[in-house]
Amino acid sequence: MLSMYLVFCLLANWLSILAPMRLTPGSFKPTSTPRGLAILLQLGFFFLFPPALSLTLVPLGVEAGLEDLARSLDMEIKVRFTEPRKRQRMAVMVTKESHCLQKIVEAVKARTLAKADAALVISNRRDLEPLVKRAGISFSFVPWDDRARAEENALRLLEEYEIDFVVLARFMKILSPNFVWRYKNKIINIHPSLLPSFPGPQAYRQAYERGVKIIGVSAHFVTMHLDEGPIIAQDCFRVRPEMTLKEIVAAGQKLEAATLLRAIKLYLEKRLDVYWGIVKEV
């Protein structure tokens, strides 16, 4: 359970760090992970720069102050700065299917993702390494035999590359709560069904075997509950009586790539607001 006493103590200390730099608080949102293992404090503030204070010195001063606070409370504090006009650094996580990654690479080349830099691709296989390297994007192979160790390595890479948000482009591994909470509403996944129907693996087969007449795909934010995150975008197609499972998968994959790209663009344009687990376009 989230201790409000601890939250207010942290906030008071936080504000004491920001005040000398003339940073005015704009928003404050505390949340906790299950069982109270961690607290996430999201604090928005406005920069009112003194003449001698630069854009570089502000983050350094805030981070140094919070590191001192963390040591005094014997806890870990991670600091991440975002600027509305700043280009967002994107990491893509993949396994072996190329259709979504290919669409993202094409969009990056065509500069239709104008507000994003494709900084890194992480994969638990090497199948797509040639595609990534041809595109001039950094590729990191992270074996996933041990999930805890794999996630630790992946998080280290995300920190090293200063990643702002993550795209799961048919990444066929389940991320733990320990990973997900660090990037709340910053991990976008594409799932091959019209959620909340047919969550989990083999979604096309599930739909095919149930004889559904309309099959679709969903781009959603990743949460600690599998395939239950806030839905960003969906699309669908009608199943013809003569269609085989293979034809359904092929049709679905085209929609997956397009829908995922649409969700990324909405995210980059700051047009998404998550309220009570529902995404609203703003």
C-alpha atoms as a PDB file:
ATOM      1  CA  MET A   1       0.000   0.000   0.000  1.00  0.00           C
ATOM      2  CA  LEU A   2       1.323   3.451  -0.903  1.00  0.00           C
ATOM      3  CA  SER A   3       2.420   5.371   2.198  1.00  0.00           C
ATOM      4  CA  MET A   4       1.150   8.948   1.791  1.00  0.00           C
ATOM      5  CA  TYR A   5       3.438  10.040   4.636  1.00  0.00           C
ATOM      6  CA  LEU A   6       6.438   8.844   2.619  1.00  0.00           C
ATOM      7  CA  VAL A   7       5.064  10.502  -0.521  1.00  0.00           C
ATOM      8  CA  PHE A   8       4.701  13.876   1.194  1.00  0.00           C
ATOM      9  CA  CYS A   9       8.173  13.559   2.760  1.00  0.00           C
ATOM     10  CA  LEU A  10       9.623  12.869  -0.670  1.00  0.00           C
ATOM     11  CA  LEU A  11       7.665  15.722  -2.222  1.00  0.00           C
ATOM     12  CA  ALA A  12       8.800  18.177   0.452  1.00  0.00           C
ATOM     13  CA  ASN A  13      12.429  17.201  -0.077  1.00  0.00           C
ATOM     14  CA  TRP A  14      11.980  17.290  -3.851  1.00  0.00           C
ATOM     15  CA  LEU A  15      10.551  20.806  -3.789  1.00  0.00           C
ATOM     16  CA  SER A  16      13.382  21.978  -1.530  1.00  0.00           C
ATOM     17  CA  ILE A  17      15.787  20.836  -4.255  1.00  0.00           C
ATOM     18  CA  LEU A  18      13.850  22.536  -7.059  1.00  0.00           C
ATOM     19  CA  ALA A  19      13.168  25.855  -5.289  1.00  0.00           C
ATOM     20  CA  PRO A  20      16.697  27.332  -5.495  1.00  0.00           C
ATOM     21  CA  MET A  21      16.652  26.715  -9.249  1.00  0.00           C
ATOM     22  CA  ARG A  22      13.388  28.639  -9.665  1.00  0.00           C
ATOM     23  CA  LEU A  23      11.525  25.611 -10.985  1.00  0.00           C
ATOM     24  CA  THR A  24       7.769  25.971 -10.534  1.00  0.00           C
ATOM     25  CA  PRO A  25       5.787  22.723  -9.950  1.00  0.00           C
ATOM     26  CA  GLY A  26       3.089  22.090 -12.539  1.00  0.00           C
ATOM     27  CA  SER A  27       1.733  18.611 -11.726  1.00  0.00           C
ATOM     28  CA  PHE A  28       2.252  15.825  -9.203  1.00  0.00           C
ATOM     29  CA  LYS A  29       1.144  12.207  -9.508  1.00  0.00           C
ATOM     30  CA  PRO A  30       2.155   9.392  -7.117  1.00  0.00           C
ATOM     31  CA  THR A  31       1.556   5.724  -7.981  1.00  0.00           C
ATOM     32  CA  SER A  32       2.856   2.449  -6.584  1.00  0.00           C
ATOM     33  CA  THR A  33       3.765  -0.989  -7.843  1.00  0.00           C
ATOM     34  CA  PRO A  34       1.918  -4.064  -6.525  1.00  0.00           C
ATOM     35  CA  ARG A  35       2.623  -4.818  -2.836  1.00  0.00           C
ATOM     36  CA  GLY A  36       4.158  -1.384  -2.417  1.00  0.00           C
ATOM     37  CA  LEU A  37       7.590  -2.464  -3.649  1.00  0.00           C
ATOM     38  CA  ALA A  38       8.229   0.863  -5.361  1.00  0.00           C
ATOM     39  CA  ILE A  39       6.774   4.339  -5.649  1.00  0.00           C
ATOM     40  CA  LEU A  40       6.664   6.285  -8.898  1.00  0.00           C
ATOM     41  CA  LEU A  41       6.478  10.056  -8.482  1.00  0.00           C
ATOM     42  CA  GLN A  42       5.730  12.027 -11.624  1.00  0.00           C
ATOM     43  CA  LEU A  43       6.380  15.729 -11.095  1.00  0.00           C
ATOM     44  CA  GLY A  44       5.969  18.268 -13.857  1.00  0.00           C
ATOM     45  CA  PHE A  45       7.518  21.717 -13.483  1.00  0.00           C
ATOM     46  CA  PHE A  46       8.193  24.879 -15.446  1.00  0.00           C
ATOM     47  CA  PHE A  47      11.687  26.285 -15.990  1.00  0.00           C
ATOM     48  CA  LEU A  48      12.148  29.925 -14.978  1.00  0.00           C
ATOM     49  CA  PHE A  49      15.829  30.358 -15.776  1.00  0.00           C
ATOM     50  CA  PRO A  50      18.109  32.754 -13.932  1.00  0.00           C
ATOM     51  CA  PRO A  51      20.601  34.315 -16.362  1.00  0.00           C
ATOM     52  CA  ALA A  52      23.502  32.165 -15.144  1.00  0.00           C
ATOM     53  CA  LEU A  53      21.574  28.867 -15.263  1.00  0.00           C
ATOM     54  CA  SER A  54      21.720  26.831 -18.454  1.00  0.00           C
ATOM     55  CA  LEU A  55      19.591  23.992 -19.834  1.00  0.00           C
ATOM     56  CA  THR A  56      22.472  21.646 -19.076  1.00  0.00           C
ATOM     57  CA  LEU A  57      22.945  22.719 -15.459  1.00  0.00           C
ATOM     58  CA  VAL A  58      19.278  22.336 -14.468  1.00  0.00           C
ATOM     59  CA  PRO A  59      19.050  18.536 -15.020  1.00  0.00           C
ATOM     60  CA  LEU A  60      22.486  18.047 -13.454  1.00  0.00           C
ATOM     61  CA  GLY A  61      21.510  20.028 -10.371  1.00  0.00           C
ATOM     62  CA  VAL A  62      18.172  18.276  -9.949  1.00  0.00           C
ATOM     63  CA  GLU A  63      19.692  14.827 -10.443  1.00  0.00           C
ATOM     64  CA  ALA A  64      22.538  15.498  -7.993  1.00  0.00           C
ATOM     65  CA  GLY A  65      20.096  16.751  -5.374  1.00  0.00           C
ATOM     66  CA  LEU A  66      17.847  13.717  -5.741  1.00  0.00           C
ATOM     67  CA  GLU A  67      20.821  11.349  -5.544  1.00  0.00           C
ATOM     68  CA  ASP A  68      21.723  12.917  -2.188  1.00  0.00           C
ATOM     69  CA  LEU A  69      18.094  12.506  -1.080  1.00  0.00           C
ATOM     70  CA  ALA A  70      18.111   8.840  -2.125  1.00  0.00           C
ATOM     71  CA  ARG A  71      21.257   8.151  -0.117  1.00  0.00           C
ATOM     72  CA  SER A  72      19.817   9.813   2.980  1.00  0.00           C
ATOM     73  CA  LEU A  73      16.638   7.685   2.750  1.00  0.00           C
ATOM     74  CA  ASP A  74      18.477   4.477   1.775  1.00  0.00           C
ATOM     75  CA  MET A  75      16.415   4.086  -1.397  1.00  0.00           C
ATOM     76  CA  GLU A  76      16.819   4.147  -5.175  1.00  0.00           C
ATOM     77  CA  ILE A  77      15.656   7.159  -7.159  1.00  0.00           C
ATOM     78  CA  LYS A  78      15.680   7.165 -10.960  1.00  0.00           C
ATOM     79  CA  VAL A  79      15.387  10.514 -12.732  1.00  0.00           C
ATOM     80  CA  ARG A  80      14.150  10.941 -16.293  1.00  0.00           C
ATOM     81  CA  PHE A  81      13.738  14.331 -17.992  1.00  0.00           C
ATOM     82  CA  THR A  82      11.403  14.942 -20.914  1.00  0.00           C
ATOM     83  CA  GLU A  83      10.859  18.118 -22.926  1.00  0.00           C
ATOM     84  CA  PRO A  84       7.686  18.608 -25.036  1.00  0.00           C
ATOM     85  CA  ARG A  85       9.616  19.833 -28.088  1.00  0.00           C
ATOM     86  CA  LYS A  86      12.445  17.343 -27.777  1.00  0.00           C
ATOM     87  CA  ARG A  87      12.755  14.512 -30.283  1.00  0.00           C
ATOM     88  CA  GLN A  88      11.895  11.249 -28.561  1.00  0.00           C
ATOM     89  CA  ARG A  89      14.455   8.451 -28.546  1.00  0.00           C
ATOM     90  CA  MET A  90      12.728   5.179 -29.462  1.00  0.00           C
ATOM     91  CA  ALA A  91      13.765   1.597 -28.778  1.00  0.00           C
ATOM     92  CA  VAL A  92      12.107  -1.271 -30.643  1.00  0.00           C
ATOM     93  CA  MET A  93      11.990  -4.776 -29.171  1.00  0.00           C
ATOM     94  CA  VAL A  94      11.468  -7.656 -31.611  1.00  0.00           C
ATOM     95  CA  THR A  95      11.762 -11.434 -31.864  1.00  0.00           C
ATOM     96  CA  LYS A  96      11.747 -12.782 -35.440  1.00  0.00           C
ATOM     97  CA  GLU A  97       8.729 -11.418 -37.347  1.00  0.00           C
ATOM     98  CA  SER A  98       9.831  -8.546 -39.563  1.00  0.00           C
ATOM     99  CA  HIS A  99       6.619  -6.896 -40.802  1.00  0.00           C
ATOM    100  CA  CYS A 100       6.188  -4.355 -37.979  1.00  0.00           C
ATOM    101  CA  LEU A 101       9.882  -3.523 -37.717  1.00  0.00           C
ATOM    102  CA  GLN A 102      10.093  -3.100 -41.503  1.00  0.00           C
ATOM    103  CA  LYS A 103       7.221  -0.594 -41.420  1.00  0.00           C
ATOM    104  CA  ILE A 104       8.922   1.385 -38.659  1.00  0.00           C
ATOM    105  CA  VAL A 105      12.255   1.389 -40.519  1.00  0.00           C
ATOM    106  CA  GLU A 106      10.531   2.632 -43.688  1.00  0.00           C
ATOM    107  CA  ALA A 107       8.796   5.391 -41.730  1.00  0.00           C
ATOM    108  CA  VAL A 108      12.090   6.471 -40.174  1.00  0.00           C
ATOM    109  CA  LYS A 109      13.741   6.608 -43.617  1.00  0.00           C
ATOM    110  CA  ALA A 110      10.806   8.542 -45.070  1.00  0.00           C
ATOM    111  CA  ARG A 111      10.871  10.887 -42.059  1.00  0.00           C
ATOM    112  CA  THR A 112       7.189  10.350 -41.372  1.00  0.00           C
ATOM    113  CA  LEU A 113       8.144   9.768 -37.730  1.00  0.00           C
ATOM    114  CA  ALA A 114       9.495  13.289 -37.591  1.00  0.00           C
ATOM    115  CA  LYS A 115       9.597  13.532 -33.803  1.00  0.00           C
ATOM    116  CA  ALA A 116      11.382  10.223 -33.146  1.00  0.00           C
ATOM    117  CA  ASP A 117      14.930   8.949 -33.394  1.00  0.00           C
ATOM    118  CA  ALA A 118      15.175   5.173 -33.823  1.00  0.00           C
ATOM    119  CA  ALA A 119      18.036   4.746 -31.383  1.00  0.00           C
ATOM    120  CA  LEU A 120      18.070   1.035 -30.638  1.00  0.00           C
ATOM    121  CA  VAL A 121      16.626  -2.377 -31.516  1.00  0.00           C
ATOM    122  CA  ILE A 122      16.724  -5.104 -28.865  1.00  0.00           C
ATOM    123  CA  SER A 123      15.994  -8.714 -29.788  1.00  0.00           C
ATOM    124  CA  ASN A 124      16.106 -12.118 -28.139  1.00  0.00           C
ATOM    125  CA  ARG A 125      17.094 -13.573 -31.546  1.00  0.00           C
ATOM    126  CA  ARG A 126      19.464 -12.543 -34.326  1.00  0.00           C
ATOM    127  CA  ASP A 127      17.073 -13.104 -37.253  1.00  0.00           C
ATOM    128  CA  LEU A 128      16.431  -9.392 -37.825  1.00  0.00           C
ATOM    129  CA  GLU A 129      19.958  -8.132 -37.156  1.00  0.00           C
ATOM    130  CA  PRO A 130      20.807  -7.691 -40.889  1.00  0.00           C
ATOM    131  CA  LEU A 131      17.641  -5.622 -41.460  1.00  0.00           C
ATOM    132  CA  VAL A 132      18.446  -3.382 -38.504  1.00  0.00           C
ATOM    133  CA  LYS A 133      22.089  -2.870 -39.455  1.00  0.00           C
ATOM    134  CA  ARG A 134      21.177  -2.031 -43.073  1.00  0.00           C
ATOM    135  CA  ALA A 135      18.963   0.706 -41.665  1.00  0.00           C
ATOM    136  CA  GLY A 136      21.880   2.106 -39.666  1.00  0.00           C
ATOM    137  CA  ILE A 137      20.229   1.443 -36.295  1.00  0.00           C
ATOM    138  CA  SER A 138      22.055  -0.009 -33.294  1.00  0.00           C
ATOM    139  CA  PHE A 139      21.187  -3.667 -32.649  1.00  0.00           C
ATOM    140  CA  SER A 140      21.610  -5.494 -29.341  1.00  0.00           C
ATOM    141  CA  PHE A 141      21.086  -9.222 -28.923  1.00  0.00           C
ATOM    142  CA  VAL A 142      19.793 -10.065 -25.440  1.00  0.00           C
ATOM    143  CA  PRO A 143      19.283 -13.798 -24.724  1.00  0.00           C
ATOM    144  CA  TRP A 144      16.025 -14.382 -22.836  1.00  0.00           C
ATOM    145  CA  ASP A 145      16.684 -17.744 -21.161  1.00  0.00           C
ATOM    146  CA  ASP A 146      16.732 -16.066 -17.758  1.00  0.00           C
ATOM    147  CA  ARG A 147      14.056 -13.342 -17.737  1.00  0.00           C
ATOM    148  CA  ALA A 148      15.374 -11.468 -14.705  1.00  0.00           C
ATOM    149  CA  ARG A 149      18.887 -11.250 -16.146  1.00  0.00           C
ATOM    150  CA  ALA A 150      17.574 -10.437 -19.633  1.00  0.00           C
ATOM    151  CA  GLU A 151      15.412  -7.599 -18.341  1.00  0.00           C
ATOM    152  CA  GLU A 152      18.298  -6.257 -16.298  1.00  0.00           C
ATOM    153  CA  ASN A 153      20.430  -6.154 -19.469  1.00  0.00           C
ATOM    154  CA  ALA A 154      17.611  -4.604 -21.505  1.00  0.00           C
ATOM    155  CA  LEU A 155      16.982  -1.908 -18.885  1.00  0.00           C
ATOM    156  CA  ARG A 156      20.682  -1.126 -18.795  1.00  0.00           C
ATOM    157  CA  LEU A 157      20.652  -0.655 -22.581  1.00  0.00           C
ATOM    158  CA  LEU A 158      17.573   1.575 -22.426  1.00  0.00           C
ATOM    159  CA  GLU A 159      19.318   3.714 -19.821  1.00  0.00           C
ATOM    160  CA  GLU A 160      22.581   3.777 -21.780  1.00  0.00           C
ATOM    161  CA  TYR A 161      20.836   4.892 -24.983  1.00  0.00           C
ATOM    162  CA  GLU A 162      18.672   7.408 -23.069  1.00  0.00           C
ATOM    163  CA  ILE A 163      15.471   5.859 -24.421  1.00  0.00           C
ATOM    164  CA  ASP A 164      12.230   7.805 -23.970  1.00  0.00           C
ATOM    165  CA  PHE A 165       9.754   5.144 -25.079  1.00  0.00           C
ATOM    166  CA  VAL A 166       9.681   1.505 -26.184  1.00  0.00           C
ATOM    167  CA  VAL A 167       7.823  -0.222 -29.025  1.00  0.00           C
ATOM    168  CA  LEU A 168       7.153  -3.968 -28.894  1.00  0.00           C
ATOM    169  CA  ALA A 169       7.040  -4.872 -32.590  1.00  0.00           C
ATOM    170  CA  ARG A 170       5.944  -8.507 -32.177  1.00  0.00           C
ATOM    171  CA  PHE A 171       8.287  -9.119 -29.254  1.00  0.00           C
ATOM    172  CA  MET A 172       7.223 -12.580 -28.124  1.00  0.00           C
ATOM    173  CA  LYS A 173       8.220 -12.367 -24.472  1.00  0.00           C
ATOM    174  CA  ILE A 174       6.205 -11.189 -21.474  1.00  0.00           C
ATOM    175  CA  LEU A 175       7.757  -8.277 -19.584  1.00  0.00           C
ATOM    176  CA  SER A 176       7.645  -8.411 -15.799  1.00  0.00           C
ATOM    177  CA  PRO A 177       6.054  -5.731 -13.573  1.00  0.00           C
ATOM    178  CA  ASN A 178       9.587  -4.774 -12.508  1.00  0.00           C
ATOM    179  CA  PHE A 179      10.299  -3.762 -16.124  1.00  0.00           C
ATOM    180  CA  VAL A 180       6.933  -2.259 -17.035  1.00  0.00           C
ATOM    181  CA  TRP A 181       6.465   0.153 -14.138  1.00  0.00           C
ATOM    182  CA  ARG A 182       9.673   1.968 -15.050  1.00  0.00           C
ATOM    183  CA  TYR A 183       8.145   3.003 -18.395  1.00  0.00           C
ATOM    184  CA  LYS A 184       4.517   3.562 -17.467  1.00  0.00           C
ATOM    185  CA  ASN A 185       2.488   4.529 -20.569  1.00  0.00           C
ATOM    186  CA  LYS A 186       5.761   4.534 -22.520  1.00  0.00           C
ATOM    187  CA  ILE A 187       5.696   0.954 -23.856  1.00  0.00           C
ATOM    188  CA  ILE A 188       3.498   0.372 -26.928  1.00  0.00           C
ATOM    189  CA  ASN A 189       2.584  -3.161 -28.004  1.00  0.00           C
ATOM    190  CA  ILE A 190       0.713  -4.542 -31.016  1.00  0.00           C
ATOM    191  CA  HIS A 191      -1.571  -7.519 -30.380  1.00  0.00           C
ATOM    192  CA  PRO A 192      -3.224  -9.547 -33.188  1.00  0.00           C
ATOM    193  CA  SER A 193      -6.823  -9.377 -31.962  1.00  0.00           C
ATOM    194  CA  LEU A 194      -9.529  -6.878 -31.127  1.00  0.00           C
ATOM    195  CA  LEU A 195      -8.803  -6.694 -27.418  1.00  0.00           C
ATOM    196  CA  PRO A 196     -10.193  -7.535 -24.942  1.00  0.00           C
ATOM    197  CA  SER A 197     -11.092 -10.576 -27.090  1.00  0.00           C
ATOM    198  CA  PHE A 198      -8.480 -13.322 -27.587  1.00  0.00           C
ATOM    199  CA  PRO A 199      -5.603 -12.139 -25.370  1.00  0.00           C
ATOM    200  CA  GLY A 200      -2.416 -14.149 -25.059  1.00  0.00           C
ATOM    201  CA  PRO A 201      -0.632 -16.282 -27.686  1.00  0.00           C
ATOM    202  CA  GLN A 202      -2.031 -17.694 -30.945  1.00  0.00           C
ATOM    203  CA  ALA A 203      -4.702 -14.988 -31.190  1.00  0.00           C
ATOM    204  CA  TYR A 204      -5.369 -15.554 -34.905  1.00  0.00           C
ATOM    205  CA  ARG A 205      -5.811 -19.282 -34.334  1.00  0.00           C
ATOM    206  CA  GLN A 206      -8.122 -18.609 -31.393  1.00  0.00           C
ATOM    207  CA  ALA A 207     -10.307 -16.364 -33.547  1.00  0.00           C
ATOM    208  CA  TYR A 208     -10.207 -18.736 -36.533  1.00  0.00           C
ATOM    209  CA  GLU A 209     -11.233 -21.739 -34.454  1.00  0.00           C
ATOM    210  CA  ARG A 210     -14.115 -19.781 -32.930  1.00  0.00           C
ATOM    211  CA  GLY A 211     -15.343 -18.870 -36.403  1.00  0.00           C
ATOM    212  CA  VAL A 212     -15.400 -15.115 -35.868  1.00  0.00           C
ATOM    213  CA  LYS A 213     -16.485 -13.025 -38.842  1.00  0.00           C
ATOM    214  CA  ILE A 214     -14.341  -9.974 -38.106  1.00  0.00           C
ATOM    215  CA  ILE A 215     -10.696 -10.153 -37.021  1.00  0.00           C
ATOM    216  CA  GLY A 216      -8.594  -7.210 -35.976  1.00  0.00           C
ATOM    217  CA  VAL A 217      -5.513  -5.891 -34.214  1.00  0.00           C
ATOM    218  CA  SER A 218      -4.936  -3.615 -31.221  1.00  0.00           C
ATOM    219  CA  ALA A 219      -2.100  -1.255 -30.330  1.00  0.00           C
ATOM    220  CA  HIS A 220      -2.036  -0.644 -26.595  1.00  0.00           C
ATOM    221  CA  PHE A 221       0.106   0.559 -23.738  1.00  0.00           C
ATOM    222  CA  VAL A 222       1.725  -2.273 -21.809  1.00  0.00           C
ATOM    223  CA  THR A 223       0.740  -2.726 -18.174  1.00  0.00           C
ATOM    224  CA  MET A 224       1.511  -5.321 -15.541  1.00  0.00           C
ATOM    225  CA  HIS A 225      -1.462  -7.384 -16.726  1.00  0.00           C
ATOM    226  CA  LEU A 226      -1.001  -9.238 -20.034  1.00  0.00           C
ATOM    227  CA  ASP A 227      -2.821  -7.614 -22.982  1.00  0.00           C
ATOM    228  CA  GLU A 228      -5.007  -5.496 -20.671  1.00  0.00           C
ATOM    229  CA  GLY A 229      -3.336  -2.110 -21.138  1.00  0.00           C
ATOM    230  CA  PRO A 230      -5.134   1.029 -22.390  1.00  0.00           C
ATOM    231  CA  ILE A 231      -5.990   0.646 -26.077  1.00  0.00           C
ATOM    232  CA  ILE A 232      -4.517   3.299 -28.385  1.00  0.00           C
ATOM    233  CA  ALA A 233      -5.698   2.180 -31.842  1.00  0.00           C
ATOM    234  CA  GLN A 234      -7.520  -0.726 -33.482  1.00  0.00           C
ATOM    235  CA  ASP A 235      -8.353  -1.892 -36.998  1.00  0.00           C
ATOM    236  CA  CYS A 236     -10.107  -4.923 -38.446  1.00  0.00           C
ATOM    237  CA  PHE A 237     -11.070  -6.832 -41.595  1.00  0.00           C
ATOM    238  CA  ARG A 238     -13.957  -9.098 -42.539  1.00  0.00           C
ATOM    239  CA  VAL A 239     -13.202 -12.823 -42.779  1.00  0.00           C
ATOM    240  CA  ARG A 240     -14.383 -14.373 -46.028  1.00  0.00           C
ATOM    241  CA  PRO A 241     -15.771 -17.933 -45.730  1.00  0.00           C
ATOM    242  CA  GLU A 242     -13.022 -19.395 -47.935  1.00  0.00           C
ATOM    243  CA  MET A 243     -10.092 -17.795 -46.061  1.00  0.00           C
ATOM    244  CA  THR A 244      -7.520 -20.148 -44.553  1.00  0.00           C
ATOM    245  CA  LEU A 245      -5.696 -19.462 -41.296  1.00  0.00           C
ATOM    246  CA  LYS A 246      -2.565 -18.609 -43.288  1.00  0.00           C
ATOM    247  CA  GLU A 247      -4.476 -16.011 -45.331  1.00  0.00           C
ATOM    248  CA  ILE A 248      -5.980 -14.548 -42.171  1.00  0.00           C
ATOM    249  CA  VAL A 249      -2.538 -14.188 -40.595  1.00  0.00           C
ATOM    250  CA  ALA A 250      -1.172 -12.502 -43.736  1.00  0.00           C
ATOM    251  CA  ALA A 251      -4.063 -10.027 -43.800  1.00  0.00           C
ATOM    252  CA  GLY A 252      -3.679  -9.373 -40.100  1.00  0.00           C
ATOM    253  CA  GLN A 253       0.034  -8.697 -40.300  1.00  0.00           C
ATOM    254  CA  LYS A 254      -0.541  -5.835 -42.744  1.00  0.00           C
ATOM    255  CA  LEU A 255      -2.947  -4.276 -40.257  1.00  0.00           C
ATOM    256  CA  GLU A 256      -0.544  -4.887 -37.362  1.00  0.00           C
ATOM    257  CA  ALA A 257       2.205  -2.848 -39.012  1.00  0.00           C
ATOM    258  CA  ALA A 258      -0.084   0.022 -40.035  1.00  0.00           C
ATOM    259  CA  THR A 259      -1.906   0.190 -36.700  1.00  0.00           C
ATOM    260  CA  LEU A 260       1.296   0.096 -34.666  1.00  0.00           C
ATOM    261  CA  LEU A 261       2.738   2.921 -36.750  1.00  0.00           C
ATOM    262  CA  ARG A 262      -0.443   4.956 -36.251  1.00  0.00           C
ATOM    263  CA  ALA A 263      -0.202   4.462 -32.485  1.00  0.00           C
ATOM    264  CA  ILE A 264       3.435   5.586 -32.474  1.00  0.00           C
ATOM    265  CA  LYS A 265       2.532   8.755 -34.381  1.00  0.00           C
ATOM    266  CA  LEU A 266      -0.305   9.556 -31.967  1.00  0.00           C
ATOM    267  CA  TYR A 267       2.076   9.082 -29.065  1.00  0.00           C
ATOM    268  CA  LEU A 268       4.738  11.316 -30.606  1.00  0.00           C
ATOM    269  CA  GLU A 269       2.217  14.040 -31.374  1.00  0.00           C
ATOM    270  CA  LYS A 270       1.252  14.129 -27.668  1.00  0.00           C
ATOM    271  CA  ARG A 271      -2.346  13.420 -28.656  1.00  0.00           C
ATOM    272  CA  LEU A 272      -2.926  10.657 -26.102  1.00  0.00           C
ATOM    273  CA  ASP A 273      -4.182  11.085 -22.562  1.00  0.00           C
ATOM    274  CA  VAL A 274      -4.702   8.046 -20.325  1.00  0.00           C
ATOM    275  CA  TYR A 275      -7.496   8.490 -17.806  1.00  0.00           C
ATOM    276  CA  TRP A 276      -8.809   5.653 -15.625  1.00  0.00           C
ATOM    277  CA  GLY A 277      -7.228   3.072 -17.924  1.00  0.00           C
ATOM    278  CA  ILE A 278      -8.790   4.520 -21.092  1.00  0.00           C
ATOM    279  CA  VAL A 279      -6.874   6.359 -23.816  1.00  0.00           C
ATOM    280  CA  LYS A 280      -8.417   9.613 -24.989  1.00  0.00           C
ATOM    281  CA  GLU A 281      -7.242  11.473 -28.076  1.00  0.00           C
ATOM    282  CA  VAL A 282      -6.646  15.133 -27.278  1.00  0.00           C
END
